[in-house]
Amino acid sequence: MIKLGHIHQKYIILITNYLKKKKDLYELYTKYDNLLAELDTSNHLHCVNLSSIVNDYNNIIGKYPHKDNSNFLEALRNFRNHFEEQQEEHINSCGDRILKFNSLSEQALLKDVTYHSQQNSGDVNGFPSQLSENIASTFTITLFGTTLGSFLILMFFYKV
């Protein structure tokens, strides 16, 4: 039986994660809007601002799981495509002073390795994984069965 408080706690965690994602995406677009509002795009500061936005984007895709069933990753892809199309001339003029975008597939691979290593350690996001729960229940059943079997054999030999 699942406790009602446990269900509410899961929903609170899901909502909190959703709101964090929305906030991060909103801040990314706000920085981009501020960049577009700059009057002088020929100076070094513009390149620094472009690089800052790319860095924030890379941090966001590194922060959230790639197996996200929402449209968050699609929104990030759309942002990146729009950013690269609109700022292509400035990105080319700044050259190596701008960080490169990390691809979502690279982040997916890194997240996959991290997820599987956490799963093997028996702890995923602070909750026990299925593997550790199965080991615990198997151990308990084995111990109980062995104890009961030994007791019955001893009782049989005691009577004989």
N, C-alpha and C. Protein backbone atom coordinates (compact mmCIF):
# COMPACT_ATOMS: atom_id res chain seq x y z
N MET A 1 0.84 -1.18 0.00
CA MET A 1 0.00 0.00 0.00
C MET A 1 0.88 1.25 0.00
N ILE A 2 0.60 2.17 -0.87
CA ILE A 2 1.38 3.40 -1.00
C ILE A 2 0.74 4.47 -0.13
N LYS A 3 1.58 5.14 0.64
CA LYS A 3 1.08 6.22 1.49
C LYS A 3 0.75 7.43 0.64
N LEU A 4 -0.29 8.14 1.02
CA LEU A 4 -0.73 9.31 0.28
C LEU A 4 0.33 10.41 0.30
N GLY A 5 1.03 10.57 1.42
CA GLY A 5 2.07 11.59 1.53
C GLY A 5 3.21 11.34 0.56
N HIS A 6 3.51 10.07 0.32
CA HIS A 6 4.58 9.71 -0.61
C HIS A 6 4.23 10.14 -2.04
N ILE A 7 2.96 9.98 -2.42
CA ILE A 7 2.51 10.38 -3.75
C ILE A 7 2.60 11.90 -3.90
N HIS A 8 2.16 12.62 -2.87
CA HIS A 8 2.25 14.08 -2.91
C HIS A 8 3.70 14.54 -3.02
N GLN A 9 4.58 13.84 -2.32
CA GLN A 9 5.99 14.20 -2.34
C GLN A 9 6.57 14.03 -3.75
N LYS A 10 6.16 12.96 -4.44
CA LYS A 10 6.63 12.74 -5.81
C LYS A 10 6.16 13.86 -6.73
N TYR A 11 4.88 14.26 -6.59
CA TYR A 11 4.35 15.34 -7.42
C TYR A 11 5.05 16.66 -7.13
N ILE A 12 5.35 16.92 -5.87
CA ILE A 12 6.05 18.15 -5.52
C ILE A 12 7.43 18.17 -6.16
N ILE A 13 8.12 17.03 -6.13
CA ILE A 13 9.44 16.94 -6.76
C ILE A 13 9.33 17.17 -8.26
N LEU A 14 8.33 16.56 -8.91
CA LEU A 14 8.15 16.73 -10.35
C LEU A 14 7.85 18.18 -10.71
N ILE A 15 6.97 18.81 -9.93
CA ILE A 15 6.61 20.20 -10.20
C ILE A 15 7.81 21.12 -9.99
N THR A 16 8.56 20.87 -8.92
CA THR A 16 9.74 21.68 -8.63
C THR A 16 10.76 21.58 -9.77
N ASN A 17 11.00 20.36 -10.25
CA ASN A 17 11.94 20.18 -11.37
C ASN A 17 11.44 20.89 -12.62
N TYR A 18 10.15 20.79 -12.88
CA TYR A 18 9.56 21.45 -14.05
C TYR A 18 9.75 22.97 -13.96
N LEU A 19 9.49 23.53 -12.78
CA LEU A 19 9.63 24.97 -12.61
C LEU A 19 11.08 25.42 -12.72
N LYS A 20 12.02 24.61 -12.25
CA LYS A 20 13.44 24.95 -12.38
C LYS A 20 13.84 24.99 -13.85
N LYS A 21 13.34 24.03 -14.62
CA LYS A 21 13.65 23.99 -16.05
C LYS A 21 13.10 25.22 -16.76
N LYS A 22 11.85 25.56 -16.43
CA LYS A 22 11.23 26.74 -17.03
C LYS A 22 12.00 28.00 -16.68
N LYS A 23 12.43 28.10 -15.43
CA LYS A 23 13.18 29.27 -14.97
C LYS A 23 14.51 29.38 -15.72
N ASP A 24 15.23 28.27 -15.85
CA ASP A 24 16.50 28.28 -16.56
C ASP A 24 16.32 28.69 -18.02
N LEU A 25 15.31 28.14 -18.66
CA LEU A 25 15.05 28.48 -20.06
C LEU A 25 14.65 29.95 -20.20
N TYR A 26 13.84 30.43 -19.28
CA TYR A 26 13.42 31.83 -19.29
C TYR A 26 14.63 32.76 -19.13
N GLU A 27 15.54 32.41 -18.21
CA GLU A 27 16.74 33.23 -18.00
C GLU A 27 17.63 33.23 -19.23
N LEU A 28 17.70 32.09 -19.92
CA LEU A 28 18.49 32.01 -21.14
C LEU A 28 17.92 32.95 -22.21
N TYR A 29 16.60 32.93 -22.38
CA TYR A 29 15.97 33.82 -23.35
C TYR A 29 16.09 35.29 -22.93
N THR A 30 16.05 35.57 -21.64
CA THR A 30 16.22 36.95 -21.16
C THR A 30 17.61 37.47 -21.50
N LYS A 31 18.62 36.63 -21.28
CA LYS A 31 19.99 37.03 -21.65
C LYS A 31 20.09 37.28 -23.15
N TYR A 32 19.45 36.44 -23.92
CA TYR A 32 19.48 36.60 -25.37
C TYR A 32 18.78 37.89 -25.79
N ASP A 33 17.64 38.19 -25.17
CA ASP A 33 16.94 39.45 -25.47
C ASP A 33 17.81 40.65 -25.12
N ASN A 34 18.51 40.58 -24.00
CA ASN A 34 19.42 41.67 -23.62
C ASN A 34 20.55 41.82 -24.63
N LEU A 35 21.01 40.70 -25.15
CA LEU A 35 22.06 40.73 -26.17
C LEU A 35 21.56 41.41 -27.43
N LEU A 36 20.33 41.11 -27.82
CA LEU A 36 19.76 41.72 -29.03
C LEU A 36 19.53 43.22 -28.85
N ALA A 37 19.35 43.65 -27.61
CA ALA A 37 19.10 45.07 -27.33
C ALA A 37 20.39 45.90 -27.36
N GLU A 38 21.54 45.24 -27.38
CA GLU A 38 22.80 45.98 -27.42
C GLU A 38 22.90 46.77 -28.72
N LEU A 39 23.34 48.00 -28.59
CA LEU A 39 23.46 48.86 -29.77
C LEU A 39 24.77 48.62 -30.51
N ASP A 40 25.85 48.48 -29.77
CA ASP A 40 27.17 48.31 -30.39
C ASP A 40 27.55 46.83 -30.35
N THR A 41 27.46 46.18 -31.50
CA THR A 41 27.76 44.74 -31.56
C THR A 41 29.15 44.47 -32.11
N SER A 42 29.95 45.51 -32.24
CA SER A 42 31.28 45.31 -32.81
C SER A 42 32.37 45.22 -31.75
N ASN A 43 32.02 45.39 -30.50
CA ASN A 43 33.05 45.41 -29.46
C ASN A 43 33.29 44.03 -28.85
N HIS A 44 34.31 43.97 -28.04
CA HIS A 44 34.70 42.72 -27.37
C HIS A 44 33.63 42.25 -26.38
N LEU A 45 32.91 43.19 -25.79
CA LEU A 45 31.88 42.84 -24.80
C LEU A 45 30.77 42.00 -25.43
N HIS A 46 30.46 42.26 -26.68
CA HIS A 46 29.43 41.47 -27.37
C HIS A 46 29.86 40.00 -27.48
N CYS A 47 31.13 39.77 -27.77
CA CYS A 47 31.65 38.40 -27.85
C CYS A 47 31.58 37.72 -26.49
N VAL A 48 31.88 38.47 -25.45
CA VAL A 48 31.81 37.92 -24.09
C VAL A 48 30.37 37.54 -23.75
N ASN A 49 29.42 38.38 -24.13
CA ASN A 49 28.01 38.08 -23.87
C ASN A 49 27.53 36.87 -24.67
N LEU A 50 27.97 36.76 -25.91
CA LEU A 50 27.63 35.57 -26.71
C LEU A 50 28.18 34.31 -26.05
N SER A 51 29.41 34.38 -25.61
CA SER A 51 30.04 33.23 -24.97
C SER A 51 29.35 32.87 -23.66
N SER A 52 28.89 33.88 -22.94
CA SER A 52 28.17 33.65 -21.68
C SER A 52 26.86 32.90 -21.92
N ILE A 53 26.17 33.27 -22.98
CA ILE A 53 24.92 32.58 -23.31
C ILE A 53 25.19 31.13 -23.70
N VAL A 54 26.22 30.89 -24.48
CA VAL A 54 26.58 29.52 -24.86
C VAL A 54 26.96 28.72 -23.62
N ASN A 55 27.70 29.32 -22.71
CA ASN A 55 28.08 28.65 -21.47
C ASN A 55 26.85 28.29 -20.64
N ASP A 56 25.90 29.22 -20.53
CA ASP A 56 24.66 28.93 -19.80
C ASP A 56 23.89 27.79 -20.45
N TYR A 57 23.83 27.79 -21.77
CA TYR A 57 23.16 26.71 -22.50
C TYR A 57 23.83 25.37 -22.18
N ASN A 58 25.15 25.33 -22.24
CA ASN A 58 25.89 24.09 -21.96
C ASN A 58 25.65 23.63 -20.52
N ASN A 59 25.58 24.56 -19.59
CA ASN A 59 25.30 24.20 -18.20
C ASN A 59 23.90 23.61 -18.05
N ILE A 60 22.94 24.17 -18.76
CA ILE A 60 21.56 23.68 -18.66
C ILE A 60 21.45 22.27 -19.22
N ILE A 61 22.04 22.00 -20.38
CA ILE A 61 21.91 20.64 -20.93
C ILE A 61 22.69 19.64 -20.10
N GLY A 62 23.69 20.09 -19.37
CA GLY A 62 24.42 19.19 -18.49
C GLY A 62 23.70 18.93 -17.19
N LYS A 63 22.78 19.82 -16.84
CA LYS A 63 22.11 19.74 -15.54
C LYS A 63 20.92 18.78 -15.53
N TYR A 64 20.23 18.66 -16.64
CA TYR A 64 18.98 17.90 -16.65
C TYR A 64 19.14 16.59 -17.42
N PRO A 65 18.40 15.57 -16.99
CA PRO A 65 18.51 14.25 -17.64
C PRO A 65 18.09 14.31 -19.10
N HIS A 66 18.75 13.46 -19.89
CA HIS A 66 18.43 13.44 -21.32
C HIS A 66 17.17 12.64 -21.60
N LYS A 67 16.76 11.79 -20.68
CA LYS A 67 15.55 10.97 -20.89
C LYS A 67 14.33 11.71 -20.36
N ASP A 68 14.24 12.96 -20.74
CA ASP A 68 13.16 13.82 -20.29
C ASP A 68 11.99 13.65 -21.24
N ASN A 69 10.81 13.33 -20.70
CA ASN A 69 9.67 13.10 -21.58
C ASN A 69 8.90 14.39 -21.88
N SER A 70 9.37 15.52 -21.38
CA SER A 70 8.72 16.79 -21.71
C SER A 70 9.35 17.35 -22.98
N ASN A 71 8.89 18.51 -23.38
CA ASN A 71 9.44 19.12 -24.59
C ASN A 71 10.57 20.09 -24.25
N PHE A 72 11.17 19.95 -23.09
CA PHE A 72 12.24 20.84 -22.63
C PHE A 72 13.45 20.78 -23.55
N LEU A 73 13.90 19.57 -23.88
CA LEU A 73 15.07 19.44 -24.75
C LEU A 73 14.78 19.97 -26.15
N GLU A 74 13.56 19.82 -26.59
CA GLU A 74 13.17 20.36 -27.90
C GLU A 74 13.22 21.89 -27.87
N ALA A 75 12.80 22.48 -26.75
CA ALA A 75 12.87 23.94 -26.61
C ALA A 75 14.32 24.40 -26.61
N LEU A 76 15.21 23.63 -25.98
CA LEU A 76 16.63 23.97 -25.99
C LEU A 76 17.21 23.88 -27.41
N ARG A 77 16.82 22.85 -28.14
CA ARG A 77 17.27 22.72 -29.53
C ARG A 77 16.80 23.91 -30.37
N ASN A 78 15.54 24.29 -30.17
CA ASN A 78 15.00 25.43 -30.91
C ASN A 78 15.75 26.71 -30.57
N PHE A 79 16.07 26.89 -29.28
CA PHE A 79 16.83 28.07 -28.87
C PHE A 79 18.19 28.09 -29.57
N ARG A 80 18.86 26.96 -29.53
CA ARG A 80 20.20 26.89 -30.13
C ARG A 80 20.14 27.19 -31.63
N ASN A 81 19.19 26.58 -32.33
CA ASN A 81 19.07 26.81 -33.78
C ASN A 81 18.79 28.28 -34.08
N HIS A 82 17.87 28.87 -33.33
CA HIS A 82 17.53 30.28 -33.53
C HIS A 82 18.74 31.16 -33.23
N PHE A 83 19.42 30.88 -32.14
CA PHE A 83 20.59 31.65 -31.73
C PHE A 83 21.68 31.60 -32.80
N GLU A 84 21.95 30.39 -33.29
CA GLU A 84 23.01 30.24 -34.30
C GLU A 84 22.64 30.93 -35.62
N GLU A 85 21.36 30.86 -36.00
CA GLU A 85 20.93 31.52 -37.24
C GLU A 85 21.03 33.04 -37.13
N GLN A 86 20.54 33.58 -36.02
CA GLN A 86 20.49 35.03 -35.86
C GLN A 86 21.86 35.65 -35.57
N GLN A 87 22.72 34.91 -34.91
CA GLN A 87 24.01 35.46 -34.49
C GLN A 87 25.19 34.91 -35.29
N GLU A 88 24.92 34.27 -36.41
CA GLU A 88 25.98 33.61 -37.18
C GLU A 88 27.11 34.57 -37.55
N GLU A 89 26.75 35.76 -37.99
CA GLU A 89 27.77 36.74 -38.40
C GLU A 89 28.66 37.12 -37.20
N HIS A 90 28.04 37.35 -36.06
CA HIS A 90 28.80 37.75 -34.87
C HIS A 90 29.63 36.58 -34.33
N ILE A 91 29.07 35.39 -34.39
CA ILE A 91 29.81 34.20 -33.93
C ILE A 91 31.06 34.01 -34.78
N ASN A 92 30.92 34.18 -36.09
CA ASN A 92 32.08 34.04 -36.98
C ASN A 92 33.11 35.14 -36.75
N SER A 93 32.64 36.36 -36.48
CA SER A 93 33.58 37.47 -36.28
C SER A 93 34.32 37.34 -34.94
N CYS A 94 33.68 36.73 -33.95
CA CYS A 94 34.34 36.56 -32.64
C CYS A 94 35.31 35.38 -32.67
N GLY A 95 35.06 34.41 -33.51
CA GLY A 95 35.97 33.27 -33.66
C GLY A 95 36.09 32.42 -32.42
N ASP A 96 37.33 32.20 -31.98
CA ASP A 96 37.60 31.30 -30.85
C ASP A 96 37.27 31.91 -29.49
N ARG A 97 36.92 33.18 -29.46
CA ARG A 97 36.57 33.80 -28.18
C ARG A 97 35.22 33.32 -27.66
N ILE A 98 34.45 32.65 -28.51
CA ILE A 98 33.15 32.13 -28.11
C ILE A 98 33.26 30.63 -27.87
N LEU A 99 32.68 30.20 -26.77
CA LEU A 99 32.64 28.77 -26.48
C LEU A 99 31.82 28.04 -27.54
N LYS A 100 32.07 26.77 -27.68
CA LYS A 100 31.30 25.95 -28.61
C LYS A 100 30.12 25.33 -27.88
N PHE A 101 29.01 25.16 -28.59
CA PHE A 101 27.85 24.49 -28.02
C PHE A 101 28.16 23.01 -27.82
N ASN A 102 27.81 22.49 -26.66
CA ASN A 102 27.85 21.03 -26.46
C ASN A 102 26.62 20.46 -27.14
N SER A 103 26.78 19.34 -27.79
CA SER A 103 25.62 18.73 -28.43
C SER A 103 24.83 17.95 -27.40
N LEU A 104 23.53 17.85 -27.64
CA LEU A 104 22.67 17.12 -26.71
C LEU A 104 23.01 15.64 -26.71
N SER A 105 23.50 15.10 -27.82
CA SER A 105 23.83 13.68 -27.87
C SER A 105 25.05 13.37 -27.00
N GLU A 106 26.04 14.29 -26.94
CA GLU A 106 27.18 14.08 -26.05
C GLU A 106 26.73 14.08 -24.60
N GLN A 107 25.84 15.02 -24.28
CA GLN A 107 25.33 15.09 -22.91
C GLN A 107 24.51 13.84 -22.60
N ALA A 108 23.76 13.33 -23.59
CA ALA A 108 22.97 12.13 -23.37
C ALA A 108 23.87 10.95 -23.04
N LEU A 109 24.99 10.85 -23.75
CA LEU A 109 25.93 9.77 -23.49
C LEU A 109 26.52 9.88 -22.10
N LEU A 110 26.92 11.08 -21.70
CA LEU A 110 27.47 11.29 -20.36
C LEU A 110 26.44 10.98 -19.29
N LYS A 111 25.19 11.41 -19.51
CA LYS A 111 24.13 11.15 -18.53
C LYS A 111 23.85 9.65 -18.44
N ASP A 112 23.89 8.95 -19.58
CA ASP A 112 23.64 7.52 -19.59
C ASP A 112 24.69 6.78 -18.77
N VAL A 113 25.95 7.13 -18.93
CA VAL A 113 27.02 6.50 -18.16
C VAL A 113 26.84 6.80 -16.69
N THR A 114 26.53 8.04 -16.34
CA THR A 114 26.32 8.43 -14.95
C THR A 114 25.14 7.68 -14.36
N TYR A 115 24.04 7.59 -15.11
CA TYR A 115 22.84 6.92 -14.63
C TYR A 115 23.12 5.45 -14.33
N HIS A 116 23.82 4.77 -15.25
CA HIS A 116 24.09 3.36 -15.04
C HIS A 116 25.07 3.14 -13.90
N SER A 117 26.03 4.02 -13.70
CA SER A 117 26.95 3.86 -12.58
C SER A 117 26.23 4.10 -11.27
N GLN A 118 25.28 5.04 -11.23
CA GLN A 118 24.50 5.25 -10.02
C GLN A 118 23.59 4.06 -9.75
N GLN A 119 23.05 3.49 -10.81
CA GLN A 119 22.15 2.35 -10.63
C GLN A 119 22.91 1.16 -10.07
N ASN A 120 24.13 0.94 -10.52
CA ASN A 120 24.93 -0.16 -10.01
C ASN A 120 25.35 0.05 -8.57
N SER A 121 25.45 1.31 -8.13
CA SER A 121 25.83 1.58 -6.75
C SER A 121 24.65 1.40 -5.81
N GLY A 122 23.45 1.19 -6.34
CA GLY A 122 22.29 0.95 -5.51
C GLY A 122 21.55 2.20 -5.10
N ASP A 123 21.85 3.35 -5.71
CA ASP A 123 21.20 4.58 -5.31
C ASP A 123 21.04 5.47 -6.53
N VAL A 124 19.80 5.82 -6.84
CA VAL A 124 19.53 6.71 -7.95
C VAL A 124 18.69 7.86 -7.42
N ASN A 125 19.22 9.05 -7.52
CA ASN A 125 18.53 10.26 -7.06
C ASN A 125 18.07 10.16 -5.61
N GLY A 126 18.84 9.52 -4.77
CA GLY A 126 18.52 9.45 -3.35
C GLY A 126 17.56 8.34 -2.98
N PHE A 127 17.07 7.59 -3.95
CA PHE A 127 16.16 6.49 -3.67
C PHE A 127 16.84 5.18 -4.02
N PRO A 128 16.56 4.12 -3.27
CA PRO A 128 17.18 2.83 -3.60
C PRO A 128 16.72 2.37 -4.98
N SER A 129 17.65 1.80 -5.72
CA SER A 129 17.28 1.31 -7.04
C SER A 129 16.63 -0.06 -6.93
N GLN A 130 16.07 -0.52 -8.02
CA GLN A 130 15.40 -1.81 -8.05
C GLN A 130 16.35 -2.94 -7.71
N LEU A 131 17.59 -2.85 -8.15
CA LEU A 131 18.56 -3.90 -7.92
C LEU A 131 18.78 -4.13 -6.44
N SER A 132 18.97 -3.08 -5.67
CA SER A 132 19.23 -3.25 -4.24
C SER A 132 18.00 -3.78 -3.51
N GLU A 133 16.81 -3.36 -3.94
CA GLU A 133 15.59 -3.86 -3.32
C GLU A 133 15.43 -5.36 -3.59
N ASN A 134 15.76 -5.79 -4.80
CA ASN A 134 15.66 -7.21 -5.14
C ASN A 134 16.66 -8.04 -4.33
N ILE A 135 17.86 -7.52 -4.15
CA ILE A 135 18.87 -8.25 -3.37
C ILE A 135 18.42 -8.39 -1.93
N ALA A 136 17.87 -7.32 -1.36
CA ALA A 136 17.41 -7.37 0.03
C ALA A 136 16.28 -8.37 0.20
N SER A 137 15.31 -8.36 -0.71
CA SER A 137 14.20 -9.29 -0.58
C SER A 137 14.65 -10.73 -0.83
N THR A 138 15.55 -10.94 -1.76
CA THR A 138 16.07 -12.28 -2.01
C THR A 138 16.82 -12.81 -0.80
N PHE A 139 17.63 -11.97 -0.20
CA PHE A 139 18.38 -12.37 0.99
C PHE A 139 17.43 -12.73 2.13
N THR A 140 16.40 -11.93 2.34
CA THR A 140 15.43 -12.18 3.41
C THR A 140 14.70 -13.50 3.18
N ILE A 141 14.24 -13.73 1.98
CA ILE A 141 13.52 -14.97 1.67
C ILE A 141 14.43 -16.18 1.84
N THR A 142 15.67 -16.08 1.38
CA THR A 142 16.62 -17.18 1.51
C THR A 142 16.91 -17.48 2.98
N LEU A 143 17.12 -16.45 3.76
CA LEU A 143 17.40 -16.64 5.18
C LEU A 143 16.21 -17.27 5.89
N PHE A 144 15.01 -16.79 5.61
CA PHE A 144 13.81 -17.34 6.24
C PHE A 144 13.59 -18.80 5.82
N GLY A 145 13.75 -19.09 4.54
CA GLY A 145 13.56 -20.46 4.06
C GLY A 145 14.56 -21.42 4.66
N THR A 146 15.82 -21.00 4.76
CA THR A 146 16.86 -21.85 5.33
C THR A 146 16.59 -22.11 6.80
N THR A 147 16.20 -21.08 7.52
CA THR A 147 15.91 -21.23 8.95
C THR A 147 14.73 -22.16 9.17
N LEU A 148 13.67 -21.99 8.42
CA LEU A 148 12.49 -22.84 8.56
C LEU A 148 12.82 -24.28 8.19
N GLY A 149 13.56 -24.48 7.11
CA GLY A 149 13.94 -25.83 6.70
C GLY A 149 14.81 -26.51 7.74
N SER A 150 15.77 -25.79 8.29
CA SER A 150 16.64 -26.36 9.33
C SER A 150 15.82 -26.74 10.56
N PHE A 151 14.88 -25.89 10.94
CA PHE A 151 14.05 -26.17 12.11
C PHE A 151 13.21 -27.43 11.88
N LEU A 152 12.63 -27.58 10.70
CA LEU A 152 11.81 -28.76 10.42
C LEU A 152 12.66 -30.04 10.40
N ILE A 153 13.86 -29.98 9.85
CA ILE A 153 14.75 -31.15 9.84
C ILE A 153 15.14 -31.53 11.26
N LEU A 154 15.47 -30.53 12.08
CA LEU A 154 15.82 -30.82 13.48
C LEU A 154 14.64 -31.44 14.22
N MET A 155 13.44 -30.95 13.99
CA MET A 155 12.25 -31.52 14.65
C MET A 155 12.03 -32.96 14.19
N PHE A 156 12.26 -33.25 12.91
CA PHE A 156 12.09 -34.59 12.39
C PHE A 156 13.08 -35.56 13.05
N PHE A 157 14.36 -35.17 13.13
CA PHE A 157 15.36 -36.04 13.74
C PHE A 157 15.15 -36.17 15.24
N TYR A 158 14.59 -35.18 15.88
CA TYR A 158 14.34 -35.24 17.31
C TYR A 158 13.28 -36.30 17.62
N LYS A 159 12.26 -36.42 16.76
CA LYS A 159 11.19 -37.39 16.95
C LYS A 159 11.67 -38.81 16.64
N VAL A 160 12.59 -38.97 15.75
CA VAL A 160 13.03 -40.30 15.33
C VAL A 160 13.97 -40.89 16.27
